[in-house]
């Protein structure tokens, strides 16, 4: 896949299957930017991901699938993702 940026440069990337939705959708699809600079490179550095919590009824299976990622994993009745962010206006949560 690719697209042209307003400055005339071209971004190129490959995706894993974003429609697969493994583990109830809590395992994300992956974007490989290859040699293309990540599109966020020129954006202001105003927000920081402080914590990512992934929950699932089968937390042990999820730990195996996400062992290479820096995420907290917990058991819950339904799959879910919660991100804690540091923003210019303080901490914020996305879920």
Protein backbone atom coordinates (compact mmCIF):
# COMPACT_ATOMS: atom_id res chain seq x y z
CA UNK A 1 0.00 0.00 0.00
CA UNK A 2 1.09 3.58 -0.48
CA UNK A 3 -0.05 7.17 -0.53
CA UNK A 4 1.43 10.54 -1.44
CA UNK A 5 1.98 13.11 1.28
CA UNK A 6 1.31 16.85 0.80
CA UNK A 7 5.08 17.45 0.63
CA UNK A 8 5.33 15.12 -2.40
CA UNK A 9 6.98 12.20 -0.60
CA UNK A 10 5.37 8.77 -0.71
CA UNK A 11 4.57 6.52 2.25
CA UNK A 12 4.74 2.75 1.71
CA UNK A 13 3.50 0.11 4.15
CA UNK A 14 2.28 -3.46 4.54
CA UNK A 15 -0.52 -4.66 6.81
CA UNK A 16 -1.29 -7.88 8.57
CA UNK A 17 -4.95 -8.83 8.13
CA UNK A 18 -6.90 -6.04 9.92
CA UNK A 19 -10.17 -7.97 9.54
CA UNK A 20 -8.97 -11.15 11.29
CA UNK A 21 -9.79 -9.78 14.80
CA UNK A 22 -8.03 -12.52 16.80
CA UNK A 23 -8.93 -12.92 20.49
CA UNK A 24 -12.10 -10.90 20.15
CA UNK A 25 -10.29 -7.96 18.56
CA UNK A 26 -7.78 -7.24 21.35
CA UNK A 27 -4.75 -8.44 19.35
CA UNK A 28 -3.98 -5.54 17.01
CA UNK A 29 -3.17 -5.78 13.35
CA UNK A 30 0.38 -4.72 12.48
CA UNK A 31 1.69 -2.05 10.11
CA UNK A 32 5.19 -2.54 8.68
CA UNK A 33 6.49 0.82 7.44
CA UNK A 34 9.58 -0.81 5.88
CA UNK A 35 12.13 1.87 5.00
CA UNK A 36 9.51 4.64 4.88
CA UNK A 37 9.77 7.07 7.82
CA UNK A 38 6.84 6.66 10.20
CA UNK A 39 4.20 9.32 9.39
CA UNK A 40 4.22 10.61 12.98
CA UNK A 41 7.92 11.58 12.72
CA UNK A 42 7.13 15.23 11.94
CA UNK A 43 4.25 15.64 14.40
CA UNK A 44 4.58 17.47 17.72
CA UNK A 45 5.52 15.17 20.60
CA UNK A 46 2.64 16.17 22.90
CA UNK A 47 1.16 12.83 24.03
CA UNK A 48 2.77 9.76 25.54
CA UNK A 49 1.36 6.27 26.02
CA UNK A 50 1.81 5.52 29.73
CA UNK A 51 0.11 2.14 29.90
CA UNK A 52 -1.82 -0.26 27.70
CA UNK A 53 -4.07 -2.77 29.48
CA UNK A 54 -5.57 -5.66 27.51
CA UNK A 55 -8.22 -7.84 29.11
CA UNK A 56 -9.72 -11.14 27.96
CA UNK A 57 -11.58 -14.16 29.39
CA UNK A 58 -8.53 -16.31 28.53
CA UNK A 59 -5.77 -14.05 29.87
CA UNK A 60 -3.15 -16.84 29.78
CA UNK A 61 -3.63 -17.37 26.03
CA UNK A 62 -3.39 -13.62 25.53
CA UNK A 63 -0.12 -13.43 27.50
CA UNK A 64 1.42 -15.94 25.08
CA UNK A 65 0.18 -14.06 22.02
CA UNK A 66 1.35 -10.65 23.28
CA UNK A 67 4.53 -11.65 25.13
CA UNK A 68 6.75 -9.41 22.97
CA UNK A 69 4.65 -6.30 23.63
CA UNK A 70 4.87 -4.04 26.68
CA UNK A 71 1.24 -4.43 27.79
CA UNK A 72 -0.52 -5.34 31.01
CA UNK A 73 -2.86 -8.31 30.63
CA UNK A 74 -5.74 -9.20 32.89
CA UNK A 75 -8.73 -11.51 33.02
CA UNK A 76 -12.18 -10.06 32.34
CA UNK A 77 -15.57 -11.41 31.21
CA UNK A 78 -15.27 -9.56 27.85
CA UNK A 79 -12.25 -8.66 25.66
CA UNK A 80 -11.15 -5.05 26.06
CA UNK A 81 -8.33 -2.54 25.63
CA UNK A 82 -7.63 0.54 27.76
CA UNK A 83 -4.89 3.08 27.08
CA UNK A 84 -3.63 5.61 29.63
CA UNK A 85 -2.12 8.69 27.98
CA UNK A 86 -0.18 11.71 29.22
CA UNK A 87 -1.48 14.76 27.34
CA UNK A 88 -0.79 18.50 27.63
CA UNK A 89 -4.03 18.67 29.69
CA UNK A 90 -3.13 15.81 32.06
CA UNK A 91 -3.81 12.08 31.98
CA UNK A 92 -6.53 10.74 29.73
CA UNK A 93 -7.95 7.28 29.06
CA UNK A 94 -9.15 5.57 25.89
CA UNK A 95 -11.10 2.33 26.00
